[in-house]
N, C-alpha and C. Protein backbone atom coordinates (compact mmCIF):
# COMPACT_ATOMS: atom_id res chain seq x y z
N MET A 1 -4.41 -1.84 12.31
CA MET A 1 -4.58 -2.56 11.06
C MET A 1 -3.24 -2.95 10.44
N CYS A 2 -2.29 -1.99 10.32
CA CYS A 2 -0.95 -2.30 9.86
C CYS A 2 -0.01 -1.18 10.28
N TYR A 3 1.29 -1.48 10.22
CA TYR A 3 2.30 -0.48 10.55
C TYR A 3 3.53 -0.72 9.68
N LEU A 4 4.44 0.26 9.68
CA LEU A 4 5.68 0.17 8.91
C LEU A 4 6.82 -0.22 9.83
N ARG A 5 7.67 -1.15 9.34
CA ARG A 5 8.87 -1.52 10.07
C ARG A 5 10.05 -1.43 9.12
N PRO A 6 11.12 -0.70 9.49
CA PRO A 6 12.28 -0.59 8.60
C PRO A 6 12.85 -1.96 8.25
N MET A 7 13.25 -2.12 6.99
CA MET A 7 13.92 -3.34 6.55
C MET A 7 15.29 -3.41 7.18
N ASN A 8 15.72 -4.61 7.52
CA ASN A 8 17.10 -4.80 7.97
C ASN A 8 17.95 -5.26 6.78
N ALA A 9 19.24 -5.37 6.97
CA ALA A 9 20.16 -5.69 5.87
C ALA A 9 19.85 -7.06 5.26
N TYR A 10 19.53 -8.03 6.08
CA TYR A 10 19.20 -9.37 5.57
C TYR A 10 17.94 -9.31 4.70
N GLU A 11 16.92 -8.63 5.18
CA GLU A 11 15.67 -8.50 4.43
C GLU A 11 15.90 -7.73 3.14
N PHE A 12 16.76 -6.72 3.19
CA PHE A 12 17.07 -5.94 2.00
C PHE A 12 17.68 -6.83 0.91
N GLU A 13 18.60 -7.71 1.28
CA GLU A 13 19.24 -8.59 0.29
C GLU A 13 18.20 -9.47 -0.39
N HIS A 14 17.24 -9.96 0.35
CA HIS A 14 16.16 -10.75 -0.23
C HIS A 14 15.29 -9.87 -1.15
N TYR A 15 14.95 -8.68 -0.67
CA TYR A 15 14.12 -7.75 -1.43
C TYR A 15 14.77 -7.37 -2.76
N ILE A 16 16.05 -6.99 -2.72
CA ILE A 16 16.69 -6.43 -3.90
C ILE A 16 16.74 -7.43 -5.05
N LYS A 17 16.94 -8.70 -4.73
CA LYS A 17 16.99 -9.73 -5.79
C LYS A 17 15.67 -9.79 -6.55
N SER A 18 14.57 -9.83 -5.83
CA SER A 18 13.28 -9.91 -6.52
C SER A 18 12.89 -8.57 -7.13
N ALA A 19 13.25 -7.47 -6.48
CA ALA A 19 12.85 -6.15 -6.98
C ALA A 19 13.49 -5.84 -8.33
N VAL A 20 14.76 -6.18 -8.48
CA VAL A 20 15.45 -5.92 -9.76
C VAL A 20 14.76 -6.70 -10.88
N THR A 21 14.44 -7.95 -10.63
CA THR A 21 13.78 -8.79 -11.63
C THR A 21 12.37 -8.27 -11.94
N GLU A 22 11.63 -7.91 -10.90
CA GLU A 22 10.26 -7.42 -11.10
C GLU A 22 10.24 -6.10 -11.87
N TYR A 23 11.18 -5.20 -11.54
CA TYR A 23 11.23 -3.92 -12.25
C TYR A 23 11.62 -4.14 -13.71
N ALA A 24 12.54 -5.06 -13.95
CA ALA A 24 12.91 -5.38 -15.33
C ALA A 24 11.70 -5.88 -16.11
N SER A 25 10.91 -6.72 -15.49
CA SER A 25 9.70 -7.23 -16.13
C SER A 25 8.73 -6.09 -16.45
N GLU A 26 8.57 -5.15 -15.53
CA GLU A 26 7.69 -4.00 -15.76
C GLU A 26 8.22 -3.12 -16.90
N LEU A 27 9.54 -2.95 -16.97
CA LEU A 27 10.13 -2.16 -18.05
C LEU A 27 9.84 -2.80 -19.41
N THR A 28 9.92 -4.12 -19.46
CA THR A 28 9.62 -4.84 -20.70
C THR A 28 8.14 -4.76 -21.03
N LYS A 29 7.29 -5.04 -20.03
CA LYS A 29 5.84 -5.03 -20.23
C LYS A 29 5.35 -3.66 -20.71
N SER A 30 5.97 -2.60 -20.20
CA SER A 30 5.55 -1.25 -20.57
C SER A 30 6.01 -0.85 -21.96
N GLY A 31 6.95 -1.61 -22.52
CA GLY A 31 7.49 -1.27 -23.83
C GLY A 31 8.64 -0.29 -23.79
N MET A 32 9.08 0.08 -22.59
CA MET A 32 10.18 1.05 -22.47
C MET A 32 11.52 0.45 -22.89
N PHE A 33 11.71 -0.84 -22.64
CA PHE A 33 12.96 -1.51 -22.97
C PHE A 33 12.66 -2.90 -23.51
N ALA A 34 13.52 -3.35 -24.42
CA ALA A 34 13.43 -4.72 -24.89
C ALA A 34 13.82 -5.65 -23.75
N GLU A 35 13.31 -6.86 -23.78
CA GLU A 35 13.59 -7.81 -22.70
C GLU A 35 15.08 -7.98 -22.47
N LYS A 36 15.87 -8.00 -23.54
CA LYS A 36 17.31 -8.21 -23.42
C LYS A 36 18.02 -7.06 -22.71
N ASP A 37 17.41 -5.88 -22.69
CA ASP A 37 18.03 -4.70 -22.08
C ASP A 37 17.45 -4.34 -20.71
N SER A 38 16.27 -4.86 -20.41
CA SER A 38 15.56 -4.39 -19.22
C SER A 38 16.24 -4.79 -17.91
N LEU A 39 16.81 -5.98 -17.84
CA LEU A 39 17.46 -6.40 -16.59
C LEU A 39 18.67 -5.53 -16.29
N LYS A 40 19.45 -5.21 -17.31
CA LYS A 40 20.62 -4.35 -17.11
C LYS A 40 20.19 -2.96 -16.64
N LYS A 41 19.17 -2.40 -17.27
CA LYS A 41 18.67 -1.07 -16.89
C LYS A 41 18.14 -1.10 -15.46
N SER A 42 17.41 -2.14 -15.11
CA SER A 42 16.87 -2.26 -13.76
C SER A 42 18.00 -2.31 -12.74
N GLN A 43 19.00 -3.14 -12.98
CA GLN A 43 20.12 -3.26 -12.04
C GLN A 43 20.84 -1.93 -11.89
N GLN A 44 21.06 -1.22 -12.99
CA GLN A 44 21.72 0.09 -12.93
C GLN A 44 20.91 1.07 -12.08
N THR A 45 19.61 1.06 -12.24
CA THR A 45 18.75 1.97 -11.48
C THR A 45 18.85 1.70 -9.99
N PHE A 46 18.73 0.44 -9.59
CA PHE A 46 18.82 0.11 -8.17
C PHE A 46 20.21 0.40 -7.61
N ASP A 47 21.25 0.10 -8.40
CA ASP A 47 22.63 0.37 -7.94
C ASP A 47 22.83 1.86 -7.70
N MET A 48 22.27 2.70 -8.56
CA MET A 48 22.43 4.14 -8.42
C MET A 48 21.66 4.67 -7.20
N LEU A 49 20.43 4.22 -7.03
CA LEU A 49 19.59 4.75 -5.97
C LEU A 49 19.93 4.20 -4.59
N LEU A 50 20.40 2.96 -4.54
CA LEU A 50 20.65 2.30 -3.26
C LEU A 50 22.10 1.84 -3.17
N LYS A 51 23.02 2.77 -3.42
CA LYS A 51 24.44 2.43 -3.49
C LYS A 51 24.99 1.85 -2.19
N ASP A 52 24.39 2.19 -1.06
CA ASP A 52 24.80 1.64 0.24
C ASP A 52 23.72 0.73 0.81
N GLY A 53 22.94 0.13 -0.06
CA GLY A 53 21.90 -0.79 0.37
C GLY A 53 20.88 -0.10 1.26
N VAL A 54 20.44 -0.82 2.28
CA VAL A 54 19.41 -0.31 3.18
C VAL A 54 19.92 0.87 4.00
N GLU A 55 21.23 1.06 4.04
CA GLU A 55 21.84 2.17 4.79
C GLU A 55 22.05 3.42 3.93
N THR A 56 21.58 3.42 2.69
CA THR A 56 21.76 4.58 1.82
C THR A 56 21.08 5.80 2.41
N ASP A 57 21.84 6.86 2.56
CA ASP A 57 21.33 8.10 3.15
C ASP A 57 20.15 8.63 2.34
N GLY A 58 19.09 8.99 3.02
CA GLY A 58 17.93 9.59 2.37
C GLY A 58 16.98 8.60 1.73
N GLN A 59 17.24 7.30 1.88
CA GLN A 59 16.36 6.27 1.33
C GLN A 59 15.78 5.46 2.49
N TYR A 60 14.48 5.24 2.46
CA TYR A 60 13.78 4.60 3.57
C TYR A 60 12.95 3.43 3.05
N LEU A 61 13.35 2.24 3.43
CA LEU A 61 12.68 1.02 2.99
C LEU A 61 11.99 0.36 4.18
N PHE A 62 10.71 0.06 4.00
CA PHE A 62 9.90 -0.49 5.08
C PHE A 62 9.16 -1.74 4.63
N HIS A 63 8.97 -2.65 5.56
CA HIS A 63 7.98 -3.71 5.38
C HIS A 63 6.67 -3.18 5.94
N ILE A 64 5.58 -3.63 5.36
CA ILE A 64 4.25 -3.33 5.86
C ILE A 64 3.82 -4.57 6.65
N ILE A 65 3.51 -4.35 7.92
CA ILE A 65 3.22 -5.45 8.84
C ILE A 65 1.76 -5.37 9.28
N ASN A 66 1.06 -6.51 9.26
CA ASN A 66 -0.35 -6.49 9.68
C ASN A 66 -0.49 -6.78 11.18
N GLU A 67 -1.73 -6.89 11.63
CA GLU A 67 -2.01 -7.04 13.06
C GLU A 67 -1.52 -8.36 13.65
N THR A 68 -1.21 -9.34 12.80
CA THR A 68 -0.65 -10.61 13.29
C THR A 68 0.87 -10.63 13.16
N ASP A 69 1.46 -9.48 12.88
CA ASP A 69 2.91 -9.31 12.69
C ASP A 69 3.46 -10.03 11.47
N ALA A 70 2.61 -10.27 10.48
CA ALA A 70 3.05 -10.86 9.21
C ALA A 70 3.44 -9.74 8.25
N ILE A 71 4.48 -9.99 7.46
CA ILE A 71 4.86 -9.05 6.41
C ILE A 71 3.86 -9.20 5.27
N ILE A 72 3.17 -8.11 4.95
CA ILE A 72 2.14 -8.16 3.89
C ILE A 72 2.50 -7.29 2.70
N GLY A 73 3.64 -6.62 2.74
CA GLY A 73 4.05 -5.78 1.63
C GLY A 73 5.28 -4.97 1.99
N MET A 74 5.60 -4.04 1.11
CA MET A 74 6.75 -3.17 1.35
C MET A 74 6.51 -1.82 0.69
N ILE A 75 7.24 -0.81 1.18
CA ILE A 75 7.19 0.51 0.56
C ILE A 75 8.54 1.18 0.76
N TRP A 76 9.00 1.89 -0.27
CA TRP A 76 10.30 2.56 -0.24
C TRP A 76 10.12 3.97 -0.77
N PHE A 77 10.56 4.94 0.03
CA PHE A 77 10.59 6.31 -0.45
C PHE A 77 11.95 6.91 -0.18
N GLY A 78 12.27 7.93 -0.95
CA GLY A 78 13.53 8.64 -0.78
C GLY A 78 13.32 10.13 -0.80
N ILE A 79 14.29 10.83 -0.24
CA ILE A 79 14.26 12.29 -0.22
C ILE A 79 15.03 12.80 -1.43
N ARG A 80 14.41 13.70 -2.18
CA ARG A 80 15.02 14.33 -3.34
C ARG A 80 15.28 15.80 -3.02
N PRO A 81 15.91 16.52 -3.94
CA PRO A 81 16.17 17.95 -3.68
C PRO A 81 14.90 18.71 -3.33
N ASN A 82 15.07 19.82 -2.64
CA ASN A 82 13.96 20.71 -2.24
C ASN A 82 12.98 20.04 -1.28
N ASN A 83 13.48 19.09 -0.49
CA ASN A 83 12.63 18.39 0.48
C ASN A 83 11.39 17.77 -0.15
N GLU A 84 11.56 17.24 -1.34
CA GLU A 84 10.49 16.49 -1.99
C GLU A 84 10.82 15.01 -1.86
N GLY A 85 9.80 14.21 -1.74
CA GLY A 85 9.99 12.77 -1.63
C GLY A 85 9.51 12.06 -2.88
N PHE A 86 10.00 10.84 -3.05
CA PHE A 86 9.58 10.02 -4.18
C PHE A 86 9.37 8.60 -3.68
N ILE A 87 8.21 8.05 -3.97
CA ILE A 87 7.93 6.65 -3.64
C ILE A 87 8.46 5.81 -4.80
N TYR A 88 9.53 5.07 -4.53
CA TYR A 88 10.19 4.29 -5.58
C TYR A 88 9.56 2.91 -5.77
N ASP A 89 9.06 2.34 -4.71
CA ASP A 89 8.50 0.99 -4.82
C ASP A 89 7.43 0.82 -3.74
N PHE A 90 6.39 0.12 -4.11
CA PHE A 90 5.28 -0.12 -3.18
C PHE A 90 4.55 -1.35 -3.64
N SER A 91 4.36 -2.29 -2.75
CA SER A 91 3.58 -3.47 -3.11
C SER A 91 2.91 -4.05 -1.88
N ILE A 92 1.73 -4.57 -2.10
CA ILE A 92 0.99 -5.34 -1.10
C ILE A 92 0.92 -6.76 -1.66
N ASN A 93 1.28 -7.74 -0.84
CA ASN A 93 1.21 -9.13 -1.28
C ASN A 93 -0.21 -9.45 -1.74
N GLU A 94 -0.29 -10.24 -2.79
CA GLU A 94 -1.57 -10.47 -3.47
C GLU A 94 -2.69 -10.92 -2.52
N ALA A 95 -2.39 -11.77 -1.56
CA ALA A 95 -3.42 -12.28 -0.65
C ALA A 95 -4.02 -11.19 0.25
N PHE A 96 -3.35 -10.03 0.31
CA PHE A 96 -3.80 -8.96 1.21
C PHE A 96 -4.34 -7.74 0.47
N ARG A 97 -4.46 -7.85 -0.84
CA ARG A 97 -4.96 -6.72 -1.63
C ARG A 97 -6.47 -6.57 -1.46
N SER A 98 -6.96 -5.36 -1.75
CA SER A 98 -8.39 -5.03 -1.68
C SER A 98 -8.96 -5.20 -0.27
N GLN A 99 -8.13 -4.97 0.74
CA GLN A 99 -8.57 -5.06 2.13
C GLN A 99 -8.26 -3.78 2.91
N GLY A 100 -7.85 -2.73 2.19
CA GLY A 100 -7.57 -1.46 2.84
C GLY A 100 -6.12 -1.27 3.27
N PHE A 101 -5.29 -2.29 3.09
CA PHE A 101 -3.90 -2.18 3.52
C PHE A 101 -3.11 -1.18 2.66
N GLY A 102 -3.42 -1.12 1.37
CA GLY A 102 -2.72 -0.18 0.50
C GLY A 102 -2.98 1.26 0.92
N THR A 103 -4.23 1.58 1.18
CA THR A 103 -4.59 2.92 1.64
C THR A 103 -3.90 3.25 2.95
N LYS A 104 -3.97 2.33 3.90
CA LYS A 104 -3.35 2.57 5.21
C LYS A 104 -1.84 2.72 5.08
N ALA A 105 -1.21 1.89 4.26
CA ALA A 105 0.25 1.99 4.08
C ALA A 105 0.64 3.33 3.46
N MET A 106 -0.15 3.81 2.51
CA MET A 106 0.13 5.11 1.91
C MET A 106 -0.02 6.22 2.95
N GLU A 107 -1.03 6.14 3.79
CA GLU A 107 -1.20 7.13 4.86
C GLU A 107 0.00 7.10 5.81
N LEU A 108 0.46 5.91 6.15
CA LEU A 108 1.61 5.77 7.05
C LEU A 108 2.89 6.32 6.43
N VAL A 109 3.10 6.06 5.15
CA VAL A 109 4.33 6.56 4.52
C VAL A 109 4.27 8.07 4.36
N GLU A 110 3.09 8.63 4.14
CA GLU A 110 2.96 10.09 4.08
C GLU A 110 3.32 10.71 5.43
N THR A 111 2.87 10.10 6.51
CA THR A 111 3.22 10.57 7.86
C THR A 111 4.72 10.46 8.09
N GLU A 112 5.30 9.34 7.70
CA GLU A 112 6.75 9.13 7.84
C GLU A 112 7.52 10.17 7.03
N ALA A 113 7.08 10.43 5.81
CA ALA A 113 7.74 11.42 4.96
C ALA A 113 7.68 12.80 5.59
N LYS A 114 6.54 13.16 6.13
CA LYS A 114 6.40 14.46 6.81
C LYS A 114 7.38 14.58 7.97
N SER A 115 7.62 13.49 8.68
CA SER A 115 8.54 13.52 9.81
C SER A 115 9.98 13.78 9.38
N HIS A 116 10.26 13.61 8.09
CA HIS A 116 11.58 13.91 7.52
C HIS A 116 11.59 15.27 6.82
N GLY A 117 10.54 16.06 7.01
CA GLY A 117 10.48 17.40 6.43
C GLY A 117 10.00 17.45 5.00
N ILE A 118 9.50 16.35 4.48
CA ILE A 118 9.03 16.30 3.10
C ILE A 118 7.66 16.97 3.02
N LYS A 119 7.52 17.84 2.01
CA LYS A 119 6.27 18.58 1.81
C LYS A 119 5.46 18.04 0.64
N LYS A 120 6.10 17.26 -0.23
CA LYS A 120 5.44 16.77 -1.44
C LYS A 120 5.99 15.38 -1.76
N LEU A 121 5.11 14.46 -2.12
CA LEU A 121 5.50 13.12 -2.53
C LEU A 121 5.10 12.90 -3.98
N ASP A 122 6.04 12.42 -4.77
CA ASP A 122 5.77 12.01 -6.14
C ASP A 122 5.93 10.50 -6.22
N LEU A 123 5.44 9.93 -7.30
CA LEU A 123 5.63 8.51 -7.57
C LEU A 123 5.46 8.28 -9.05
N HIS A 124 5.88 7.11 -9.50
CA HIS A 124 5.67 6.69 -10.88
C HIS A 124 4.82 5.43 -10.85
N VAL A 125 3.92 5.34 -11.78
CA VAL A 125 3.12 4.12 -11.92
C VAL A 125 3.04 3.79 -13.40
N PHE A 126 3.25 2.52 -13.72
CA PHE A 126 3.13 2.09 -15.11
C PHE A 126 1.67 2.13 -15.53
N GLY A 127 1.43 2.52 -16.77
CA GLY A 127 0.07 2.71 -17.27
C GLY A 127 -0.79 1.47 -17.23
N HIS A 128 -0.18 0.29 -17.22
CA HIS A 128 -0.95 -0.95 -17.19
C HIS A 128 -1.33 -1.38 -15.77
N ASN A 129 -0.91 -0.63 -14.76
CA ASN A 129 -1.19 -0.98 -13.37
C ASN A 129 -2.44 -0.22 -12.88
N PHE A 130 -3.59 -0.66 -13.35
CA PHE A 130 -4.84 0.04 -13.10
C PHE A 130 -5.22 0.09 -11.62
N ALA A 131 -4.94 -0.98 -10.88
CA ALA A 131 -5.28 -1.00 -9.45
C ALA A 131 -4.49 0.07 -8.71
N ALA A 132 -3.20 0.19 -9.02
CA ALA A 132 -2.37 1.20 -8.35
C ALA A 132 -2.82 2.60 -8.74
N ILE A 133 -3.12 2.81 -10.00
CA ILE A 133 -3.58 4.13 -10.45
C ILE A 133 -4.84 4.52 -9.68
N SER A 134 -5.75 3.59 -9.54
CA SER A 134 -6.99 3.85 -8.80
C SER A 134 -6.70 4.22 -7.35
N LEU A 135 -5.81 3.48 -6.70
CA LEU A 135 -5.45 3.78 -5.31
C LEU A 135 -4.85 5.17 -5.19
N TYR A 136 -3.90 5.48 -6.07
CA TYR A 136 -3.22 6.78 -5.97
C TYR A 136 -4.18 7.93 -6.21
N LYS A 137 -5.08 7.78 -7.17
CA LYS A 137 -6.08 8.83 -7.40
C LYS A 137 -6.97 9.00 -6.17
N LYS A 138 -7.38 7.88 -5.58
CA LYS A 138 -8.22 7.93 -4.38
C LYS A 138 -7.49 8.64 -3.24
N MET A 139 -6.17 8.50 -3.19
CA MET A 139 -5.36 9.11 -2.13
C MET A 139 -5.04 10.58 -2.42
N GLY A 140 -5.48 11.09 -3.58
CA GLY A 140 -5.28 12.50 -3.90
C GLY A 140 -4.09 12.81 -4.77
N TYR A 141 -3.41 11.77 -5.28
CA TYR A 141 -2.29 12.01 -6.19
C TYR A 141 -2.85 12.38 -7.56
N GLU A 142 -2.17 13.32 -8.22
CA GLU A 142 -2.63 13.82 -9.50
C GLU A 142 -1.60 13.54 -10.58
N ILE A 143 -2.09 13.26 -11.78
CA ILE A 143 -1.20 13.05 -12.92
C ILE A 143 -0.67 14.41 -13.36
N TYR A 144 0.66 14.52 -13.47
CA TYR A 144 1.24 15.77 -13.96
C TYR A 144 2.07 15.56 -15.21
N SER A 145 2.23 14.32 -15.63
CA SER A 145 2.95 14.01 -16.86
C SER A 145 2.49 12.64 -17.31
N MET A 146 2.45 12.44 -18.63
CA MET A 146 2.02 11.14 -19.13
C MET A 146 2.74 10.88 -20.44
N ASN A 147 3.33 9.71 -20.57
CA ASN A 147 3.94 9.28 -21.82
C ASN A 147 2.95 8.38 -22.54
N MET A 148 2.90 8.51 -23.85
CA MET A 148 2.01 7.66 -24.63
C MET A 148 2.78 7.16 -25.84
N SER A 149 2.38 5.99 -26.36
CA SER A 149 3.01 5.47 -27.57
C SER A 149 1.99 4.69 -28.38
N LYS A 150 2.36 4.45 -29.63
CA LYS A 150 1.50 3.69 -30.53
C LYS A 150 2.40 2.91 -31.47
N GLU A 151 2.14 1.62 -31.60
CA GLU A 151 2.85 0.81 -32.59
C GLU A 151 2.31 1.18 -33.97
N ILE A 152 3.20 1.48 -34.90
CA ILE A 152 2.74 1.81 -36.27
C ILE A 152 3.46 0.96 -37.30
């Protein structure tokens, strides 16, 4: 149905440009940062986590490839202290959503993480991303922290 293929340096350069912008948009949409500050915060985050690009030690970036060898999404996880992993980014291209690719990609990344000695995977999901929350719950991920806010 699908498999993971490591990103190469050329693909990473294309990915990082859109990822920084998309993350900045999510930071603004979530209310965590004003629009004027979100792009700077996003760039700082990616620079810190991926200081050597796709070659950054302990960071694993993959394209999700379907049965026709088309790129249908991406997933990135990293190793944190105590052999814990963190899924930093995950997306399935819109045309391929709701077809089981998200579930399969999560299963594949869990297998990949285990091969690196990871015993636990964490992730962050913005509260407005209901489809992702549903997928993660279905996959057995549990909420262990939640931020809430109210405009007054």
